[in-house]
Protein backbone atom coordinates (compact mmCIF):
# COMPACT_ATOMS: atom_id res chain seq x y z
CA UNK A 1 0.08 -0.06 -0.11
CA UNK A 2 2.86 2.40 0.81
CA UNK A 3 4.53 1.68 -2.46
CA UNK A 4 1.22 2.07 -4.18
CA UNK A 5 0.56 5.29 -2.38
CA UNK A 6 3.90 6.60 -3.38
CA UNK A 7 3.31 5.89 -7.02
CA UNK A 8 0.21 7.94 -7.09
CA UNK A 9 1.66 10.75 -5.44
CA UNK A 10 4.58 10.83 -7.80
CA UNK A 11 1.94 10.63 -10.72
CA UNK A 12 0.05 13.61 -9.27
CA UNK A 13 3.33 15.56 -8.92
CA UNK A 14 4.13 14.81 -12.79
CA UNK A 15 0.59 16.09 -13.66
CA UNK A 16 0.99 19.13 -11.62
CA UNK A 17 4.29 19.99 -13.02
CA UNK A 18 3.05 19.37 -16.62
CA UNK A 19 0.06 21.72 -15.99
CA UNK A 20 2.31 24.58 -14.40
CA UNK A 21 4.71 24.19 -17.36
CA UNK A 22 1.98 24.47 -19.97
CA UNK A 23 0.69 27.53 -18.05
CA UNK A 24 3.92 29.07 -17.99
CA UNK A 25 4.50 28.47 -21.72
CA UNK A 26 0.94 29.91 -22.45
CA UNK A 27 1.62 32.99 -20.44
CA UNK A 28 5.14 33.72 -21.97
CA UNK A 29 3.69 35.55 -25.02
CA UNK A 30 1.20 37.75 -23.12
CA UNK A 31 3.10 40.93 -23.51
CA UNK A 32 5.10 42.63 -26.16
CA UNK A 33 4.33 43.53 -29.82
CA UNK A 34 5.46 42.22 -33.19
CA UNK A 35 7.57 44.16 -35.86
CA UNK A 36 4.64 44.56 -38.09
CA UNK A 37 1.93 45.77 -36.07
CA UNK A 38 0.83 42.49 -34.32
CA UNK A 39 0.23 41.64 -30.69
CA UNK A 40 2.08 38.35 -29.87
CA UNK A 41 -1.11 37.00 -28.04
CA UNK A 42 -3.16 37.44 -31.13
CA UNK A 43 -0.34 36.59 -33.62
CA UNK A 44 -2.47 34.09 -35.68
CA UNK A 45 -5.71 36.18 -35.42
CA UNK A 46 -4.84 39.95 -35.51
CA UNK A 47 -1.74 40.66 -37.63
CA UNK A 48 -0.96 43.20 -40.43
CA UNK A 49 2.05 44.67 -42.18
CA UNK A 50 2.40 48.15 -43.27
CA UNK A 51 4.14 48.48 -46.61
CA UNK A 52 6.69 51.08 -48.08
CA UNK A 53 4.83 54.29 -48.63
CA UNK A 54 5.10 56.45 -51.74
CA UNK A 55 4.83 60.15 -52.36
CA UNK A 56 4.48 61.30 -56.00
CA UNK A 57 4.75 64.99 -56.72
CA UNK A 58 3.58 66.89 -59.80
CA UNK A 59 2.28 70.23 -60.92
CA UNK A 60 -1.04 70.89 -62.25
CA UNK A 61 -2.14 73.29 -65.18
CA UNK A 62 -1.77 76.15 -63.23
CA UNK A 63 1.60 75.44 -61.71
CA UNK A 64 0.30 74.49 -58.35
CA UNK A 65 2.42 71.68 -56.63
CA UNK A 66 0.68 68.43 -55.51
CA UNK A 67 1.65 65.18 -53.84
CA UNK A 68 0.07 61.90 -54.11
CA UNK A 69 0.29 59.68 -51.12
CA UNK A 70 -0.18 55.83 -51.10
CA UNK A 71 0.56 53.55 -48.19
CA UNK A 72 -0.45 49.65 -48.32
CA UNK A 73 -1.58 47.73 -45.39
CA UNK A 74 -1.77 43.83 -45.75
CA UNK A 75 -4.08 41.59 -43.30
CA UNK A 76 -1.91 38.58 -42.68
CA UNK A 77 -3.95 37.40 -39.85
CA UNK A 78 -7.32 35.34 -39.69
CA UNK A 79 -9.53 38.12 -38.58
CA UNK A 80 -11.08 41.25 -40.43
CA UNK A 81 -9.20 44.33 -39.72
CA UNK A 82 -10.51 47.95 -39.48
CA UNK A 83 -8.19 50.73 -40.87
CA UNK A 84 -9.56 53.77 -39.25
CA UNK A 85 -8.40 57.22 -40.39
CA UNK A 86 -4.66 57.99 -39.93
CA UNK A 87 -2.05 60.52 -40.21
CA UNK A 88 0.99 60.68 -42.51
CA UNK A 89 3.94 62.81 -42.18
CA UNK A 90 6.22 63.79 -45.08
CA UNK A 91 9.82 64.19 -44.49
CA UNK A 92 12.66 65.31 -46.87
CA UNK A 93 15.84 63.13 -47.28
CA UNK A 94 17.34 64.68 -44.22
CA UNK A 95 14.38 63.64 -41.98
CA UNK A 96 13.03 67.31 -41.72
CA UNK A 97 9.25 67.47 -41.49
CA UNK A 98 7.85 68.97 -44.68
CA UNK A 99 4.05 68.35 -44.09
CA UNK A 100 1.65 66.52 -41.94
CA UNK A 101 -1.48 65.20 -43.25
CA UNK A 102 -4.41 64.42 -40.92
CA UNK A 103 -7.55 62.55 -41.72
CA UNK A 104 -5.98 60.01 -44.23
CA UNK A 105 -8.43 57.35 -45.28
CA UNK A 106 -8.13 53.74 -46.31
CA UNK A 107 -9.80 52.15 -49.18
CA UNK A 108 -11.27 49.75 -48.23
CA UNK A 109 -11.68 50.52 -44.75
CA UNK A 110 -12.34 47.00 -43.61
CA UNK A 111 -10.03 44.42 -45.16
CA UNK A 112 -10.33 40.62 -44.83
CA UNK A 113 -7.46 38.01 -44.36
CA UNK A 114 -5.17 38.24 -47.44
CA UNK A 115 -6.45 41.46 -48.57
CA UNK A 116 -4.78 44.78 -49.08
CA UNK A 117 -6.12 48.21 -48.04
CA UNK A 118 -4.53 51.46 -49.41
CA UNK A 119 -4.33 54.64 -47.07
CA UNK A 120 -4.59 57.30 -50.13
CA UNK A 121 -4.41 61.05 -50.03
CA UNK A 122 -3.68 63.93 -52.48
CA UNK A 123 -2.85 67.22 -51.19
CA UNK A 124 -1.02 70.50 -52.18
CA UNK A 125 2.56 71.38 -51.29
CA UNK A 126 2.48 75.20 -51.20
CA UNK A 127 5.96 76.70 -50.83
CA UNK A 128 7.89 73.13 -50.85
CA UNK A 129 10.86 72.89 -52.80
CA UNK A 130 12.14 69.35 -52.41
CA UNK A 131 12.81 66.73 -55.12
CA UNK A 132 12.04 63.54 -52.92
CA UNK A 133 9.71 62.86 -50.01
CA UNK A 134 9.64 60.08 -47.49
CA UNK A 135 6.28 58.80 -46.12
CA UNK A 136 6.04 58.10 -42.20
CA UNK A 137 2.65 56.66 -41.50
CA UNK A 138 0.83 56.58 -38.15
CA UNK A 139 -2.10 54.47 -38.38
CA UNK A 140 -4.53 52.73 -35.99
CA UNK A 141 -5.29 49.11 -37.25
CA UNK A 142 -7.43 46.94 -35.10
CA UNK A 143 -9.87 44.03 -35.34
CA UNK A 144 -13.07 45.05 -36.98
CA UNK A 145 -16.27 44.96 -34.86
CA UNK A 146 -18.33 45.44 -37.96
CA UNK A 147 -19.29 42.96 -40.70
CA UNK A 148 -17.52 43.15 -43.85
CA UNK A 149 -20.28 43.61 -46.38
CA UNK A 150 -19.35 43.63 -50.17
CA UNK A 151 -21.90 44.22 -52.57
CA UNK A 152 -21.71 42.94 -56.26
CA UNK A 153 -20.29 45.36 -58.84
CA UNK A 154 -20.65 44.94 -62.57
CA UNK A 155 -20.58 46.84 -65.93
CA UNK A 156 -17.66 48.91 -64.73
CA UNK A 157 -16.36 51.51 -67.24
CA UNK A 158 -13.62 54.07 -66.76
CA UNK A 159 -13.15 57.34 -68.63
CA UNK A 160 -11.17 60.50 -68.68
CA UNK A 161 -12.96 63.81 -68.10
CA UNK A 162 -11.70 66.35 -70.36
CA UNK A 163 -12.15 70.06 -70.72
CA UNK A 164 -10.54 71.99 -73.33
CA UNK A 165 -8.15 69.14 -74.27
CA UNK A 166 -7.05 68.68 -70.70
CA UNK A 167 -7.76 65.68 -68.60
CA UNK A 168 -9.72 67.04 -65.53
CA UNK A 169 -10.19 63.54 -63.68
CA UNK A 170 -11.31 60.20 -64.02
CA UNK A 171 -14.85 58.92 -63.66
CA UNK A 172 -15.97 55.46 -62.93
CA UNK A 173 -19.58 54.28 -63.88
CA UNK A 174 -21.01 50.88 -63.00
CA UNK A 175 -23.81 48.89 -61.35
CA UNK A 176 -24.20 48.03 -57.82
CA UNK A 177 -26.41 45.27 -56.74
CA UNK A 178 -27.52 44.12 -53.35
CA UNK A 179 -27.77 40.30 -53.30
CA UNK A 180 -27.94 40.12 -49.55
CA UNK A 181 -30.93 39.24 -47.47
CA UNK A 182 -30.83 42.57 -45.81
CA UNK A 183 -31.57 46.28 -46.72
CA UNK A 184 -28.36 48.31 -47.07
CA UNK A 185 -29.12 51.83 -46.00
CA UNK A 186 -25.82 53.48 -46.84
CA UNK A 187 -23.67 52.35 -49.74
CA UNK A 188 -20.06 53.54 -50.27
CA UNK A 189 -18.31 52.95 -53.73
CA UNK A 190 -14.75 53.54 -54.24
CA UNK A 191 -12.37 52.46 -56.84
CA UNK A 192 -8.68 51.78 -56.80
CA UNK A 193 -6.67 51.90 -60.05
CA UNK A 194 -3.80 49.67 -60.78
CA UNK A 195 -1.27 49.69 -63.62
CA UNK A 196 -0.28 46.44 -65.65
CA UNK A 197 2.17 45.43 -62.73
CA UNK A 198 -0.79 45.59 -60.23
CA UNK A 199 0.73 48.68 -58.41
CA UNK A 200 -1.76 51.09 -57.10
CA UNK A 201 -1.72 54.48 -59.11
CA UNK A 202 -4.67 56.28 -58.20
CA UNK A 203 -8.23 56.32 -56.55
CA UNK A 204 -11.72 57.73 -57.03
């Protein structure tokens, strides 16, 4: 009986040690953050990567300076992400702040696993004389608490709007159809334009 009791006590101790080791391992990743904006405890569920931003400058027909800002965000987790309105700083090659842009929107603002959302903005650069700009993004990315509802889009056509031989912008026409079982009270339509290499070049 003594030997039998010793075996039971030893077995209980082994189980207790296993549970404590399991608990310790499970809690070891409860703090800290990943390099690409991911919480370690949610690494497989909520995870994203901010791509390299681009700032393309040009002058319009009246000589005003403009800049187009594009920053991609990839959802590499298993949960839908919400890309709320963010901020972008523009710096010169020496790291000096040239301009700060608030209220920069992402299109789309809810991205499913594997999808890419694009923060996009066009703004003037009055009094700025630089050849190259660096994009420094400040975004708030989190798990989406809203459903991602996508409506069917068809018959899409793109055309240039011209006035006196000058392209004044691009318009997109198409048909949006609600095939869900619920009434959609607000529908927001946006279009991202890509070149032949699947690189974003504009938005409407």
